[in-house]
């Protein structure tokens, strides 16, 4: 049997059940693919179901307040995905009448859709033979062909895209792309690949060499930078905490955070122009992002100032309306667990 036949026969028997696999709706597939970027399937499933319930069509997503969209995304991280997804929906509605483009050239004009997600949407929803190259596919073909180069530049990715495109069976383009991703996720894993269970073992040069874990070759490793922050827990007399919506560019744009400052620039604060008295440190909480490690010095604080549209007092235990990033949710969890630590510092 050919590589394609072996792979698809395995996929027909072993494909995991996922809610978006019951649909050929390009909008649902688009949402699922954006959520799945850098996020595990098991994590995505409940988020996908809640998101689709709140925004069942591209029109609903395009018209929704951004704050509501970010709230539904809360906890998934990488919030730029949600902002770009909504921007993309708005373009699809305004420029394409709500119909997601069916050509590679046009769909790549949609914000948030890159070559991988374009290939996934076009092949799964429309059956077009367009490759979808993600980390799983890179790993599978690096081992199949013992590719001795990294994929941190455009040329190797173009070559791999051409290689995969030549293999796609026109009648099962979507299944083929999904099968490759499924193989990488379940069998051809980064560490301890399950080679004895692999349906395409006979086609794999790395298996024949006996050294599959040497592939794919690694490029230059991105260093994780540690960022030292002071984060203020400001409470009022009712035990509510002060959140501020982030309006500046950055990973938390549009989200509601506890007031913070970069520790090395102690004179600067997100509550610039307000009277903010920083107190002692209560704990240090870490949160790791893709290329940054946040070391957050959690400080009690007192604030005297006027309320504004970007400020809100919330019950730390019952915040249902404001999207808070996971890093600051960790701090709110600490506040809930240690309420007495912050009682002495309340709004005057």
Protein backbone atom coordinates (compact mmCIF):
# COMPACT_ATOMS: atom_id res chain seq x y z
CA UNK A 1 0.00 0.00 0.00
CA UNK A 2 1.06 3.59 -0.57
CA UNK A 3 1.92 6.07 2.17
CA UNK A 4 -1.44 7.82 1.67
CA UNK A 5 -3.40 4.56 1.83
CA UNK A 6 -1.64 3.40 5.00
CA UNK A 7 -2.11 6.77 6.69
CA UNK A 8 -5.78 7.18 5.79
CA UNK A 9 -6.65 3.58 6.74
CA UNK A 10 -5.18 4.25 10.18
CA UNK A 11 -6.99 7.60 10.46
CA UNK A 12 -10.33 6.00 9.60
CA UNK A 13 -9.88 3.66 12.56
CA UNK A 14 -8.10 5.90 15.07
CA UNK A 15 -9.28 9.48 14.58
CA UNK A 16 -10.26 11.13 17.86
CA UNK A 17 -13.76 12.52 18.25
CA UNK A 18 -13.75 16.30 18.28
CA UNK A 19 -16.80 18.59 18.07
CA UNK A 20 -15.50 20.46 15.02
CA UNK A 21 -14.99 17.21 13.13
CA UNK A 22 -18.75 16.77 12.97
CA UNK A 23 -19.00 19.87 10.79
CA UNK A 24 -17.87 21.15 7.43
CA UNK A 25 -18.80 24.69 8.43
CA UNK A 26 -15.71 26.75 7.48
CA UNK A 27 -16.39 29.19 10.32
CA UNK A 28 -16.40 26.43 12.96
CA UNK A 29 -13.24 24.91 11.46
CA UNK A 30 -11.59 28.34 11.43
CA UNK A 31 -12.39 28.92 15.12
CA UNK A 32 -11.11 25.45 16.08
CA UNK A 33 -7.86 25.84 14.17
CA UNK A 34 -7.09 29.21 15.76
CA UNK A 35 -7.83 27.82 19.23
CA UNK A 36 -5.65 24.76 18.58
CA UNK A 37 -2.57 26.84 17.85
CA UNK A 38 -0.13 26.14 20.72
CA UNK A 39 -2.97 24.59 22.78
CA UNK A 40 -3.85 20.96 23.49
CA UNK A 41 -7.05 19.43 22.07
CA UNK A 42 -8.39 18.49 25.52
CA UNK A 43 -8.05 22.11 26.64
CA UNK A 44 -9.68 23.51 23.51
CA UNK A 45 -12.84 21.37 23.42
CA UNK A 46 -14.83 23.11 26.21
CA UNK A 47 -13.64 26.55 25.07
CA UNK A 48 -14.71 25.79 21.50
CA UNK A 49 -18.16 24.68 22.59
CA UNK A 50 -18.72 27.77 24.77
CA UNK A 51 -17.35 30.09 22.10
CA UNK A 52 -19.57 28.65 19.36
CA UNK A 53 -22.59 28.88 21.66
CA UNK A 54 -21.87 32.57 22.25
CA UNK A 55 -20.91 33.37 18.64
CA UNK A 56 -22.55 30.72 16.41
CA UNK A 57 -21.90 32.56 13.13
CA UNK A 58 -19.26 34.81 11.63
CA UNK A 59 -21.84 37.62 11.78
CA UNK A 60 -22.31 37.13 15.54
CA UNK A 61 -18.57 37.24 16.15
CA UNK A 62 -18.06 40.29 13.96
CA UNK A 63 -20.77 42.26 15.80
CA UNK A 64 -19.87 41.24 19.36
CA UNK A 65 -18.19 43.67 21.80
CA UNK A 66 -14.49 42.80 21.96
CA UNK A 67 -14.68 42.55 25.74
CA UNK A 68 -17.24 39.75 25.42
CA UNK A 69 -15.03 37.92 22.93
CA UNK A 70 -11.99 38.18 25.21
CA UNK A 71 -14.06 36.98 28.16
CA UNK A 72 -15.02 33.83 26.23
CA UNK A 73 -11.33 33.37 25.43
CA UNK A 74 -10.26 33.88 29.05
CA UNK A 75 -7.82 31.18 30.14
CA UNK A 76 -6.76 30.07 26.64
CA UNK A 77 -3.96 32.62 26.51
CA UNK A 78 -2.35 34.19 23.43
CA UNK A 79 -5.17 36.73 23.31
CA UNK A 80 -3.98 38.20 20.04
CA UNK A 81 -5.55 35.10 18.47
CA UNK A 82 -8.97 36.17 19.71
CA UNK A 83 -8.52 39.78 18.62
CA UNK A 84 -7.33 38.72 15.15
CA UNK A 85 -10.14 36.17 14.87
CA UNK A 86 -12.70 38.91 15.44
CA UNK A 87 -10.91 41.29 13.06
CA UNK A 88 -10.96 38.51 10.49
CA UNK A 89 -14.67 37.93 11.02
CA UNK A 90 -15.34 41.63 10.54
CA UNK A 91 -13.41 41.61 7.24
CA UNK A 92 -15.22 38.48 6.05
CA UNK A 93 -18.56 40.17 6.76
CA UNK A 94 -17.65 43.52 5.20
CA UNK A 95 -15.65 42.34 2.19
CA UNK A 96 -17.07 38.89 1.45
CA UNK A 97 -20.67 39.10 2.64
CA UNK A 98 -20.00 36.67 5.47
CA UNK A 99 -18.68 33.91 3.19
CA UNK A 100 -15.17 32.70 4.02
CA UNK A 101 -13.03 32.87 0.84
CA UNK A 102 -12.42 29.60 -0.98
CA UNK A 103 -9.10 30.57 -2.61
CA UNK A 104 -5.69 30.57 -0.96
CA UNK A 105 -4.89 34.06 -2.24
CA UNK A 106 -8.08 35.57 -0.80
CA UNK A 107 -8.21 33.70 2.49
CA UNK A 108 -4.65 34.81 3.32
CA UNK A 109 -5.93 38.41 3.31
CA UNK A 110 -8.05 37.66 6.37
CA UNK A 111 -6.40 38.81 9.65
CA UNK A 112 -5.16 35.92 11.76
CA UNK A 113 -5.18 33.38 8.93
CA UNK A 114 -1.70 32.24 7.91
CA UNK A 115 -0.54 29.46 5.57
CA UNK A 116 -1.25 26.68 8.09
CA UNK A 117 -4.78 27.73 9.08
CA UNK A 118 -5.56 28.58 5.45
CA UNK A 119 -4.60 25.06 4.40
CA UNK A 120 -6.63 23.51 7.21
CA UNK A 121 -9.78 25.52 6.42
CA UNK A 122 -9.57 25.10 2.64
CA UNK A 123 -8.89 21.36 2.78
CA UNK A 124 -11.27 20.38 5.59
CA UNK A 125 -14.19 22.69 4.77
CA UNK A 126 -13.91 22.85 0.98
CA UNK A 127 -11.93 19.71 0.09
CA UNK A 128 -9.19 21.67 -1.69
CA UNK A 129 -5.74 20.01 -1.95
CA UNK A 130 -3.86 22.67 0.03
CA UNK A 131 -1.22 21.54 2.57
CA UNK A 132 -1.47 22.53 6.24
CA UNK A 133 2.03 22.50 7.70
CA UNK A 134 2.21 22.66 11.50
CA UNK A 135 4.75 21.35 14.00
CA UNK A 136 3.28 17.85 13.87
CA UNK A 137 3.61 17.66 10.09
CA UNK A 138 7.17 19.02 10.21
CA UNK A 139 8.11 16.32 12.71
CA UNK A 140 6.47 13.52 10.71
CA UNK A 141 8.19 14.42 7.44
CA UNK A 142 11.52 15.22 9.09
CA UNK A 143 11.54 11.59 10.25
CA UNK A 144 10.04 10.10 7.10
CA UNK A 145 12.67 11.76 4.90
CA UNK A 146 15.47 12.20 7.52
CA UNK A 147 15.58 15.91 6.77
CA UNK A 148 18.82 17.32 8.11
CA UNK A 149 17.87 20.97 8.41
CA UNK A 150 15.78 23.13 10.72
CA UNK A 151 12.51 24.81 9.75
CA UNK A 152 13.24 28.26 11.14
CA UNK A 153 13.37 29.91 7.71
CA UNK A 154 11.02 30.17 4.74
CA UNK A 155 12.83 27.99 2.19
CA UNK A 156 12.59 24.63 4.05
CA UNK A 157 8.91 25.29 4.75
CA UNK A 158 8.24 25.99 1.08
CA UNK A 159 9.99 22.76 0.07
CA UNK A 160 8.02 20.75 2.63
CA UNK A 161 4.77 22.37 1.51
CA UNK A 162 5.47 21.26 -2.06
CA UNK A 163 6.30 17.74 -0.85
CA UNK A 164 3.04 17.43 1.11
CA UNK A 165 0.96 19.01 -1.67
CA UNK A 166 2.19 16.36 -4.11
CA UNK A 167 0.91 13.62 -1.79
CA UNK A 168 -2.57 14.96 -1.03
CA UNK A 169 -5.27 12.72 -2.52
CA UNK A 170 -7.72 15.17 -4.16
CA UNK A 171 -10.77 13.20 -3.00
CA UNK A 172 -9.69 13.24 0.70
CA UNK A 173 -7.65 16.40 1.11
CA UNK A 174 -9.08 17.35 4.50
CA UNK A 175 -8.79 13.85 5.93
CA UNK A 176 -5.19 13.60 4.73
CA UNK A 177 -4.15 16.85 6.41
CA UNK A 178 -5.93 15.89 9.62
CA UNK A 179 -4.40 12.42 9.53
CA UNK A 180 -0.89 13.88 9.34
CA UNK A 181 -1.58 16.13 12.32
CA UNK A 182 -3.18 13.24 14.23
CA UNK A 183 -0.20 10.99 13.52
CA UNK A 184 2.18 13.62 14.90
CA UNK A 185 0.05 14.20 17.98
CA UNK A 186 -0.65 10.56 18.91
CA UNK A 187 2.14 8.42 17.46
CA UNK A 188 5.06 10.38 16.02
CA UNK A 189 5.48 12.32 19.26
CA UNK A 190 8.45 14.59 20.02
CA UNK A 191 9.77 12.24 22.70
CA UNK A 192 9.43 8.47 22.85
CA UNK A 193 7.54 8.12 19.55
CA UNK A 194 5.40 5.01 19.29
CA UNK A 195 7.20 3.64 16.26
CA UNK A 196 5.97 0.08 16.77
CA UNK A 197 2.38 1.36 16.44
CA UNK A 198 3.07 3.63 13.48
CA UNK A 199 0.92 2.92 10.40
CA UNK A 200 3.57 4.37 8.06
CA UNK A 201 6.58 2.75 9.72
CA UNK A 202 7.66 1.03 6.49
CA UNK A 203 7.95 4.42 4.79
CA UNK A 204 10.05 6.03 7.55
CA UNK A 205 13.80 6.47 7.03
CA UNK A 206 14.41 7.64 10.62
CA UNK A 207 12.86 4.42 11.93
CA UNK A 208 15.10 2.42 9.60
CA UNK A 209 18.09 4.32 11.03
CA UNK A 210 16.88 3.60 14.56
CA UNK A 211 17.18 7.23 15.65
CA UNK A 212 13.81 8.95 15.15
CA UNK A 213 14.28 11.34 18.08
CA UNK A 214 17.18 13.02 16.29
CA UNK A 215 14.57 14.60 14.01
CA UNK A 216 13.48 17.26 13.37
CA UNK A 217 16.72 19.23 13.56
CA UNK A 218 16.48 22.15 15.94
CA UNK A 219 17.11 25.73 14.92
CA UNK A 220 18.36 28.49 17.16
CA UNK A 221 16.63 28.29 20.52
CA UNK A 222 14.78 31.43 21.55
CA UNK A 223 15.89 32.56 24.96
CA UNK A 224 13.17 33.08 27.56
CA UNK A 225 13.54 36.55 29.05
CA UNK A 226 12.64 37.09 32.70
CA UNK A 227 10.60 40.23 33.35
CA UNK A 228 10.36 41.53 36.92
CA UNK A 229 7.06 43.22 37.71
CA UNK A 230 5.37 44.82 40.70
CA UNK A 231 1.64 44.09 40.79
CA UNK A 232 -0.66 46.02 43.11
CA UNK A 233 -3.56 44.51 45.02
CA UNK A 234 -5.78 47.47 45.87
CA UNK A 235 -8.92 46.74 47.89
CA UNK A 236 -11.81 48.92 48.92
CA UNK A 237 -13.73 48.70 52.18
CA UNK A 238 -15.94 45.95 50.74
CA UNK A 239 -13.04 43.66 49.89
CA UNK A 240 -13.28 44.32 46.16
CA UNK A 241 -10.08 44.68 44.10
CA UNK A 242 -9.26 47.29 41.48
CA UNK A 243 -8.73 46.20 37.86
CA UNK A 244 -7.62 48.35 34.97
CA UNK A 245 -8.24 47.65 31.30
CA UNK A 246 -5.04 47.55 29.28
CA UNK A 247 -5.21 49.97 26.36
CA UNK A 248 -1.59 49.93 25.22
CA UNK A 249 -0.18 47.47 22.71
CA UNK A 250 0.93 44.18 24.18
CA UNK A 251 -0.15 40.64 24.96
CA UNK A 252 -2.79 41.84 27.46
CA UNK A 253 -4.34 44.57 25.31
CA UNK A 254 -8.07 44.82 25.98
CA UNK A 255 -7.85 42.63 29.10
CA UNK A 256 -8.43 43.66 32.71
CA UNK A 257 -5.36 43.45 34.95
CA UNK A 258 -4.32 44.40 38.43
CA UNK A 259 -2.29 47.65 38.27
CA UNK A 260 1.36 46.89 37.57
CA UNK A 261 4.73 48.39 36.79
CA UNK A 262 8.08 47.11 35.56
CA UNK A 263 10.15 46.69 38.70
CA UNK A 264 13.27 48.27 37.17
CA UNK A 265 11.25 51.42 36.35
CA UNK A 266 9.59 51.88 39.73
CA UNK A 267 8.58 55.46 38.98
CA UNK A 268 6.28 54.29 36.19
CA UNK A 269 2.88 52.79 36.89
CA UNK A 270 -0.18 51.76 34.91
CA UNK A 271 -2.14 54.17 37.15
CA UNK A 272 -0.11 57.15 36.02
CA UNK A 273 -1.34 60.43 37.42
CA UNK A 274 -3.19 58.77 40.28
CA UNK A 275 -2.16 58.58 43.93
CA UNK A 276 -0.84 55.03 44.31
CA UNK A 277 0.99 54.07 47.47
CA UNK A 278 2.88 50.79 47.06
CA UNK A 279 3.08 48.60 50.15
CA UNK A 280 5.14 45.60 51.11
CA UNK A 281 5.54 42.44 49.07
CA UNK A 282 3.22 39.60 50.03
CA UNK A 283 4.48 36.92 47.65
CA UNK A 284 6.14 36.31 44.29
CA UNK A 285 4.12 34.54 41.60
CA UNK A 286 5.61 33.29 38.34
CA UNK A 287 3.89 32.86 35.00
CA UNK A 288 5.63 31.59 31.87
CA UNK A 289 4.65 32.84 28.43
CA UNK A 290 6.16 31.65 25.15
CA UNK A 291 9.29 33.80 25.29
CA UNK A 292 8.91 35.52 28.65
CA UNK A 293 8.88 34.51 32.27
CA UNK A 294 6.93 36.93 34.46
CA UNK A 295 8.14 37.20 38.03
CA UNK A 296 5.37 39.18 39.71
CA UNK A 297 6.06 40.74 43.09
CA UNK A 298 2.54 40.96 44.56
CA UNK A 299 2.28 44.08 46.70
CA UNK A 300 -0.51 45.44 48.82
CA UNK A 301 -1.28 49.03 47.83
CA UNK A 302 -3.51 51.97 48.58
CA UNK A 303 -5.01 54.22 45.95
CA UNK A 304 -6.83 57.56 46.11
CA UNK A 305 -8.26 58.76 42.86
CA UNK A 306 -11.30 59.13 40.70
CA UNK A 307 -12.94 56.22 38.93
CA UNK A 308 -12.62 56.14 35.17
CA UNK A 309 -13.91 54.10 32.20
CA UNK A 310 -10.82 51.88 32.30
CA UNK A 311 -11.10 51.15 36.03
CA UNK A 312 -13.46 48.77 37.80
CA UNK A 313 -13.87 47.33 41.30
CA UNK A 314 -14.66 43.60 41.25
CA UNK A 315 -15.31 40.85 43.72
CA UNK A 316 -12.19 38.68 43.40
CA UNK A 317 -14.24 35.52 43.97
CA UNK A 318 -17.10 36.32 41.59
CA UNK A 319 -15.67 38.03 38.51
CA UNK A 320 -18.03 36.96 35.73
CA UNK A 321 -17.88 39.97 33.43
CA UNK A 322 -14.26 40.98 32.87
CA UNK A 323 -11.61 39.06 30.95
CA UNK A 324 -8.54 38.67 33.16
CA UNK A 325 -5.32 37.04 31.85
CA UNK A 326 -4.18 33.83 33.54
CA UNK A 327 -1.14 35.55 35.05
CA UNK A 328 -3.38 37.92 37.01
CA UNK A 329 -5.94 35.20 37.76
CA UNK A 330 -3.15 33.46 39.68
CA UNK A 331 -2.76 36.57 41.82
CA UNK A 332 -6.52 36.82 42.40
CA UNK A 333 -6.46 33.17 43.51
CA UNK A 334 -3.78 34.09 46.05
CA UNK A 335 -5.86 37.06 47.27
CA UNK A 336 -8.90 34.81 47.75
CA UNK A 337 -6.79 32.30 49.70
CA UNK A 338 -5.13 34.95 51.93
CA UNK A 339 -7.70 37.74 52.48
CA UNK A 340 -6.28 38.86 55.84
CA UNK A 341 -2.91 39.76 54.29
CA UNK A 342 -4.45 42.65 52.41
CA UNK A 343 -7.00 43.97 54.91
CA UNK A 344 -4.73 46.66 56.36
CA UNK A 345 -4.26 48.24 52.94
CA UNK A 346 -7.65 49.44 51.78
CA UNK A 347 -8.87 52.46 49.93
CA UNK A 348 -8.72 55.46 52.24
